[in-house]
PDB file of N, CA and C in Angstrom:
ATOM      1  N   ASN A   1       0.762  -1.117   0.083  1.00  0.00           N
ATOM      2  CA  ASN A   1      -0.045  -0.155  -0.060  1.00  0.00           C
ATOM      3  C   ASN A   1       1.058   1.564  -0.163  1.00  0.00           C
ATOM      4  N   GLY A   2       1.123   1.588  -1.316  1.00  0.00           N
ATOM      5  CA  GLY A   2       2.187   2.673  -1.205  1.00  0.00           C
ATOM      6  C   GLY A   2       1.501   3.739  -2.170  1.00  0.00           C
ATOM      7  N   ARG A   3       2.256   4.807  -3.042  1.00  0.00           N
ATOM      8  CA  ARG A   3       1.839   5.676  -4.073  1.00  0.00           C
ATOM      9  C   ARG A   3       2.381   5.745  -5.099  1.00  0.00           C
ATOM     10  N   GLY A   4       1.999   6.065  -6.382  1.00  0.00           N
ATOM     11  CA  GLY A   4       2.983   6.200  -7.468  1.00  0.00           C
ATOM     12  C   GLY A   4       3.208   7.335  -7.547  1.00  0.00           C
ATOM     13  N   VAL A   5       3.867   7.420  -8.850  1.00  0.00           N
ATOM     14  CA  VAL A   5       4.752   8.671  -9.208  1.00  0.00           C
ATOM     15  C   VAL A   5       3.959   9.757  -9.612  1.00  0.00           C
ATOM     16  N   TRP A   6       2.408   9.734 -10.333  1.00  0.00           N
ATOM     17  CA  TRP A   6       1.675  10.689 -10.542  1.00  0.00           C
ATOM     18  C   TRP A   6       0.390  10.414  -9.678  1.00  0.00           C
ATOM     19  N   ASN A   7       0.126   9.358  -9.148  1.00  0.00           N
ATOM     20  CA  ASN A   7      -0.693   9.175  -8.305  1.00  0.00           C
ATOM     21  C   ASN A   7      -0.418   8.835  -6.653  1.00  0.00           C
ATOM     22  N   TYR A   8      -1.559   9.169  -5.856  1.00  0.00           N
ATOM     23  CA  TYR A   8      -1.284   8.909  -4.433  1.00  0.00           C
ATOM     24  C   TYR A   8      -2.247   7.721  -3.762  1.00  0.00           C
ATOM     25  N   ASP A   9      -2.877   6.986  -4.729  1.00  0.00           N
ATOM     26  CA  ASP A   9      -3.571   6.001  -4.403  1.00  0.00           C
ATOM     27  C   ASP A   9      -3.295   4.610  -4.457  1.00  0.00           C
ATOM     28  N   PHE A  10      -2.190   4.672  -5.370  1.00  0.00           N
ATOM     29  CA  PHE A  10      -1.972   3.189  -5.413  1.00  0.00           C
ATOM     30  C   PHE A  10      -0.276   3.298  -6.096  1.00  0.00           C
ATOM     31  N   GLY A  11       0.746   2.410  -5.754  1.00  0.00           N
ATOM     32  CA  GLY A  11       1.875   2.453  -6.297  1.00  0.00           C
ATOM     33  C   GLY A  11       2.586   1.746  -5.316  1.00  0.00           C
ATOM     34  N   MET A  12       4.293   1.970  -5.412  1.00  0.00           N
ATOM     35  CA  MET A  12       5.317   1.225  -5.040  1.00  0.00           C
ATOM     36  C   MET A  12       6.148   1.914  -4.192  1.00  0.00           C
ATOM     37  N   LEU A  13       5.748   3.294  -4.252  1.00  0.00           N
ATOM     38  CA  LEU A  13       6.869   4.180  -3.630  1.00  0.00           C
ATOM     39  C   LEU A  13       5.963   4.102  -2.454  1.00  0.00           C
ATOM     40  N   PRO A  14       6.967   4.766  -1.114  1.00  0.00           N
ATOM     41  CA  PRO A  14       6.468   4.841   0.255  1.00  0.00           C
ATOM     42  C   PRO A  14       5.799   6.007   0.052  1.00  0.00           C
ATOM     43  N   ARG A  15       4.813   6.085   1.070  1.00  0.00           N
ATOM     44  CA  ARG A  15       3.875   7.366   1.467  1.00  0.00           C
ATOM     45  C   ARG A  15       5.101   8.521   2.035  1.00  0.00           C
ATOM     46  N   ARG A  16       4.668   9.893   1.579  1.00  0.00           N
ATOM     47  CA  ARG A  16       5.516  10.826   2.565  1.00  0.00           C
ATOM     48  C   ARG A  16       5.051  10.783   3.863  1.00  0.00           C
ATOM     49  N   SER A  17       6.147  11.367   4.170  1.00  0.00           N
ATOM     50  CA  SER A  17       6.022  11.318   6.033  1.00  0.00           C
ATOM     51  C   SER A  17       6.967  12.665   6.195  1.00  0.00           C
ATOM     52  N   ALA A  18       7.083  13.353   7.072  1.00  0.00           N
ATOM     53  CA  ALA A  18       7.958  14.264   7.655  1.00  0.00           C
ATOM     54  C   ALA A  18       8.998  14.096   8.204  1.00  0.00           C
ATOM     55  N   ILE A  19      10.125  14.480   8.167  1.00  0.00           N
ATOM     56  CA  ILE A  19      11.479  14.013   8.862  1.00  0.00           C
ATOM     57  C   ILE A  19      11.743  15.594   9.761  1.00  0.00           C
ATOM     58  N   HIS A  20      11.726  15.150  10.923  1.00  0.00           N
ATOM     59  CA  HIS A  20      12.202  16.219  11.793  1.00  0.00           C
ATOM     60  C   HIS A  20      13.852  15.910  12.416  1.00  0.00           C
ATOM     61  N   SER A  21      14.169  17.036  12.253  1.00  0.00           N
ATOM     62  CA  SER A  21      15.975  17.182  13.025  1.00  0.00           C
ATOM     63  C   SER A  21      15.896  18.251  13.995  1.00  0.00           C
ATOM     64  N   VAL A  22      16.685  17.520  14.689  1.00  0.00           N
ATOM     65  CA  VAL A  22      17.182  18.515  15.714  1.00  0.00           C
ATOM     66  C   VAL A  22      18.642  18.308  16.165  1.00  0.00           C
ATOM     67  N   VAL A  23      19.120  19.632  16.526  1.00  0.00           N
ATOM     68  CA  VAL A  23      20.574  19.712  16.786  1.00  0.00           C
ATOM     69  C   VAL A  23      21.105  19.906  18.355  1.00  0.00           C
ATOM     70  N   GLY A  24      21.908  19.030  18.940  1.00  0.00           N
ATOM     71  CA  GLY A  24      22.011  19.664  20.561  1.00  0.00           C
ATOM     72  C   GLY A  24      23.284  20.022  20.319  1.00  0.00           C
ATOM     73  N   GLU A  25      23.534  19.904  21.871  1.00  0.00           N
ATOM     74  CA  GLU A  25      25.263  21.025  21.953  1.00  0.00           C
ATOM     75  C   GLU A  25      25.979  20.085  21.545  1.00  0.00           C
ATOM     76  N   PRO A  26      27.325  20.702  21.190  1.00  0.00           N
ATOM     77  CA  PRO A  26      28.653  20.158  20.314  1.00  0.00           C
ATOM     78  C   PRO A  26      29.366  19.732  21.786  1.00  0.00           C
ATOM     79  N   ILE A  27      29.709  18.225  21.251  1.00  0.00           N
ATOM     80  CA  ILE A  27      30.618  18.020  22.140  1.00  0.00           C
ATOM     81  C   ILE A  27      32.404  17.833  21.838  1.00  0.00           C
ATOM     82  N   ASP A  28      32.748  18.493  22.665  1.00  0.00           N
ATOM     83  CA  ASP A  28      34.394  19.051  22.114  1.00  0.00           C
ATOM     84  C   ASP A  28      35.145  17.826  22.451  1.00  0.00           C
ATOM     85  N   VAL A  29      35.822  17.198  21.484  1.00  0.00           N
ATOM     86  CA  VAL A  29      36.766  16.007  21.488  1.00  0.00           C
ATOM     87  C   VAL A  29      38.017  16.283  21.301  1.00  0.00           C
ATOM     88  N   PRO A  30      39.046  16.412  22.223  1.00  0.00           N
ATOM     89  CA  PRO A  30      40.261  16.792  21.860  1.00  0.00           C
ATOM     90  C   PRO A  30      41.046  15.710  21.135  1.00  0.00           C
ATOM     91  N   GLN A  31      42.040  16.260  20.276  1.00  0.00           N
ATOM     92  CA  GLN A  31      42.972  15.446  19.226  1.00  0.00           C
ATOM     93  C   GLN A  31      43.480  14.611  20.536  1.00  0.00           C
ATOM     94  N   MET A  32      43.686  13.007  20.088  1.00  0.00           N
ATOM     95  CA  MET A  32      44.590  12.602  20.966  1.00  0.00           C
ATOM     96  C   MET A  32      45.594  11.835  19.954  1.00  0.00           C
ATOM     97  N   GLU A  33      46.812  11.670  20.299  1.00  0.00           N
ATOM     98  CA  GLU A  33      47.796  10.622  19.678  1.00  0.00           C
ATOM     99  C   GLU A  33      47.340   9.438  19.457  1.00  0.00           C
ATOM    100  N   LYS A  34      46.979   8.803  20.965  1.00  0.00           N
ATOM    101  CA  LYS A  34      46.766   7.360  21.283  1.00  0.00           C
ATOM    102  C   LYS A  34      45.352   7.561  21.951  1.00  0.00           C
ATOM    103  N   VAL A  35      44.083   6.869  21.232  1.00  0.00           N
ATOM    104  CA  VAL A  35      42.752   6.989  21.645  1.00  0.00           C
ATOM    105  C   VAL A  35      42.627   5.544  22.741  1.00  0.00           C
ATOM    106  N   THR A  36      41.940   5.770  24.006  1.00  0.00           N
ATOM    107  CA  THR A  36      42.066   4.993  25.105  1.00  0.00           C
ATOM    108  C   THR A  36      40.802   4.296  24.957  1.00  0.00           C
ATOM    109  N   GLU A  37      40.636   3.284  25.563  1.00  0.00           N
ATOM    110  CA  GLU A  37      39.088   2.793  25.633  1.00  0.00           C
ATOM    111  C   GLU A  37      38.313   3.719  26.668  1.00  0.00           C
ATOM    112  N   ASP A  38      39.078   4.114  27.739  1.00  0.00           N
ATOM    113  CA  ASP A  38      38.185   4.974  28.609  1.00  0.00           C
ATOM    114  C   ASP A  38      37.893   6.029  27.787  1.00  0.00           C
ATOM    115  N   ALA A  39      38.860   6.690  27.126  1.00  0.00           N
ATOM    116  CA  ALA A  39      38.329   8.049  26.422  1.00  0.00           C
ATOM    117  C   ALA A  39      36.948   7.683  25.500  1.00  0.00           C
ATOM    118  N   VAL A  40      37.149   6.543  24.984  1.00  0.00           N
ATOM    119  CA  VAL A  40      35.998   6.406  24.068  1.00  0.00           C
ATOM    120  C   VAL A  40      34.793   6.086  24.908  1.00  0.00           C
ATOM    121  N   ASN A  41      34.862   5.424  25.851  1.00  0.00           N
ATOM    122  CA  ASN A  41      33.435   5.111  26.789  1.00  0.00           C
ATOM    123  C   ASN A  41      33.017   6.563  27.356  1.00  0.00           C
ATOM    124  N   LYS A  42      34.029   7.269  27.370  1.00  0.00           N
ATOM    125  CA  LYS A  42      33.821   8.805  28.009  1.00  0.00           C
ATOM    126  C   LYS A  42      32.769   9.946  27.306  1.00  0.00           C
ATOM    127  N   TYR A  43      33.403   9.455  26.002  1.00  0.00           N
ATOM    128  CA  TYR A  43      32.502  10.515  25.020  1.00  0.00           C
ATOM    129  C   TYR A  43      31.486   9.997  24.389  1.00  0.00           C
ATOM    130  N   HIS A  44      31.503   8.566  24.385  1.00  0.00           N
ATOM    131  CA  HIS A  44      29.906   7.751  23.976  1.00  0.00           C
ATOM    132  C   HIS A  44      29.242   8.085  25.148  1.00  0.00           C
ATOM    133  N   SER A  45      29.766   8.096  26.228  1.00  0.00           N
ATOM    134  CA  SER A  45      28.667   8.376  27.519  1.00  0.00           C
ATOM    135  C   SER A  45      28.134   9.675  27.329  1.00  0.00           C
ATOM    136  N   LEU A  46      28.913  10.870  27.032  1.00  0.00           N
ATOM    137  CA  LEU A  46      28.520  12.075  26.884  1.00  0.00           C
ATOM    138  C   LEU A  46      27.330  12.287  25.757  1.00  0.00           C
ATOM    139  N   TYR A  47      27.621  11.297  24.629  1.00  0.00           N
ATOM    140  CA  TYR A  47      27.176  11.430  23.402  1.00  0.00           C
ATOM    141  C   TYR A  47      25.632  10.963  23.596  1.00  0.00           C
ATOM    142  N   VAL A  48      25.449   9.713  24.347  1.00  0.00           N
ATOM    143  CA  VAL A  48      24.409   9.089  24.804  1.00  0.00           C
ATOM    144  C   VAL A  48      23.452   9.967  25.742  1.00  0.00           C
ATOM    145  N   GLU A  49      24.316  10.561  26.491  1.00  0.00           N
ATOM    146  CA  GLU A  49      23.481  11.533  27.560  1.00  0.00           C
ATOM    147  C   GLU A  49      22.793  12.804  26.919  1.00  0.00           C
ATOM    148  N   GLY A  50      23.382  13.168  25.921  1.00  0.00           N
ATOM    149  CA  GLY A  50      23.269  14.184  24.907  1.00  0.00           C
ATOM    150  C   GLY A  50      21.825  13.960  24.142  1.00  0.00           C
ATOM    151  N   LEU A  51      21.804  12.493  23.527  1.00  0.00           N
ATOM    152  CA  LEU A  51      20.822  11.972  22.728  1.00  0.00           C
ATOM    153  C   LEU A  51      19.450  11.967  23.960  1.00  0.00           C
ATOM    154  N   LYS A  52      19.799  11.361  24.970  1.00  0.00           N
ATOM    155  CA  LYS A  52      18.678  11.389  26.014  1.00  0.00           C
ATOM    156  C   LYS A  52      18.131  12.585  26.526  1.00  0.00           C
ATOM    157  N   LYS A  53      18.709  13.738  26.576  1.00  0.00           N
ATOM    158  CA  LYS A  53      18.428  15.136  26.711  1.00  0.00           C
ATOM    159  C   LYS A  53      17.424  15.643  25.410  1.00  0.00           C
ATOM    160  N   LEU A  54      17.811  15.299  24.094  1.00  0.00           N
ATOM    161  CA  LEU A  54      17.308  16.002  23.273  1.00  0.00           C
ATOM    162  C   LEU A  54      15.866  15.238  23.083  1.00  0.00           C
ATOM    163  N   TYR A  55      15.796  14.114  23.104  1.00  0.00           N
ATOM    164  CA  TYR A  55      14.421  13.162  23.093  1.00  0.00           C
ATOM    165  C   TYR A  55      13.889  13.736  24.142  1.00  0.00           C
ATOM    166  N   SER A  56      14.096  13.837  25.359  1.00  0.00           N
ATOM    167  CA  SER A  56      13.137  14.126  26.394  1.00  0.00           C
ATOM    168  C   SER A  56      12.797  15.953  26.149  1.00  0.00           C
ATOM    169  N   LYS A  57      13.661  16.643  25.433  1.00  0.00           N
ATOM    170  CA  LYS A  57      13.448  18.022  25.396  1.00  0.00           C
ATOM    171  C   LYS A  57      12.174  18.044  24.073  1.00  0.00           C
ATOM    172  N   HIS A  58      11.983  17.343  23.253  1.00  0.00           N
ATOM    173  CA  HIS A  58      11.597  17.535  21.981  1.00  0.00           C
ATOM    174  C   HIS A  58      10.449  16.315  21.672  1.00  0.00           C
ATOM    175  N   GLN A  59      10.372  15.516  22.579  1.00  0.00           N
ATOM    176  CA  GLN A  59       9.566  14.380  22.355  1.00  0.00           C
ATOM    177  C   GLN A  59       7.897  14.875  22.294  1.00  0.00           C
ATOM    178  N   ALA A  60       7.521  15.665  23.074  1.00  0.00           N
ATOM    179  CA  ALA A  60       5.856  16.082  23.085  1.00  0.00           C
ATOM    180  C   ALA A  60       6.108  16.916  21.707  1.00  0.00           C
ATOM    181  N   LYS A  61       6.574  17.400  20.886  1.00  0.00           N
ATOM    182  CA  LYS A  61       6.647  18.854  19.938  1.00  0.00           C
ATOM    183  C   LYS A  61       6.288  17.671  18.890  1.00  0.00           C
ATOM    184  N   HIS A  62       7.098  16.589  18.726  1.00  0.00           N
ATOM    185  CA  HIS A  62       7.014  15.540  17.520  1.00  0.00           C
ATOM    186  C   HIS A  62       6.259  14.334  17.724  1.00  0.00           C
ATOM    187  N   LYS A  63       5.198  14.619  19.051  1.00  0.00           N
ATOM    188  CA  LYS A  63       4.290  13.460  19.064  1.00  0.00           C
ATOM    189  C   LYS A  63       4.799  12.098  19.619  1.00  0.00           C
ATOM    190  N   ALA A  64       5.617  12.211  20.418  1.00  0.00           N
ATOM    191  CA  ALA A  64       6.380  10.747  20.855  1.00  0.00           C
ATOM    192  C   ALA A  64       6.127  10.579  22.099  1.00  0.00           C
ATOM    193  N   GLU A  65       5.563  11.215  22.882  1.00  0.00           N
ATOM    194  CA  GLU A  65       5.154  11.164  24.198  1.00  0.00           C
ATOM    195  C   GLU A  65       4.644   9.333  24.567  1.00  0.00           C
ATOM    196  N   GLY A  66       5.366   9.454  25.769  1.00  0.00           N
ATOM    197  CA  GLY A  66       5.273   7.992  26.000  1.00  0.00           C
ATOM    198  C   GLY A  66       5.624   6.783  25.277  1.00  0.00           C
ATOM    199  N   VAL A  67       6.646   7.330  24.393  1.00  0.00           N
ATOM    200  CA  VAL A  67       7.739   6.384  23.266  1.00  0.00           C
ATOM    201  C   VAL A  67       8.695   6.468  24.071  1.00  0.00           C
ATOM    202  N   GLU A  68       9.167   5.455  24.952  1.00  0.00           N
ATOM    203  CA  GLU A  68      10.440   5.221  25.313  1.00  0.00           C
ATOM    204  C   GLU A  68      11.546   5.216  23.868  1.00  0.00           C
ATOM    205  N   LEU A  69      12.829   5.655  24.676  1.00  0.00           N
ATOM    206  CA  LEU A  69      13.919   5.815  23.804  1.00  0.00           C
ATOM    207  C   LEU A  69      14.631   4.503  24.418  1.00  0.00           C
ATOM    208  N   VAL A  70      14.923   3.760  23.464  1.00  0.00           N
ATOM    209  CA  VAL A  70      15.971   2.626  23.442  1.00  0.00           C
ATOM    210  C   VAL A  70      17.253   3.114  22.771  1.00  0.00           C
ATOM    211  N   ILE A  71      18.295   2.951  23.474  1.00  0.00           N
ATOM    212  CA  ILE A  71      19.616   2.841  22.916  1.00  0.00           C
ATOM    213  C   ILE A  71      20.659   1.457  23.058  1.00  0.00           C
ATOM    214  N   THR A  72      20.844   0.649  22.188  1.00  0.00           N
ATOM    215  CA  THR A  72      21.446  -0.475  22.350  1.00  0.00           C
ATOM    216  C   THR A  72      22.768  -0.357  22.173  1.00  0.00           C
TER     217      THR A  72
END
């Protein structure tokens, strides 16, 4: 059940839907000669926390209230 090139009732193309993008605070990562596992874990944690903050801040505006954010 999709849409066509010239019609919207039948076809193989996906239906149109809005795409919403949000941008969070930058994460300053210094250049390192040798990257350690601790450094990777530190910046990964900062990234995941930033994603969670963005999600909780914008979920109501984009009709995602009650939808749990799952990061694996």
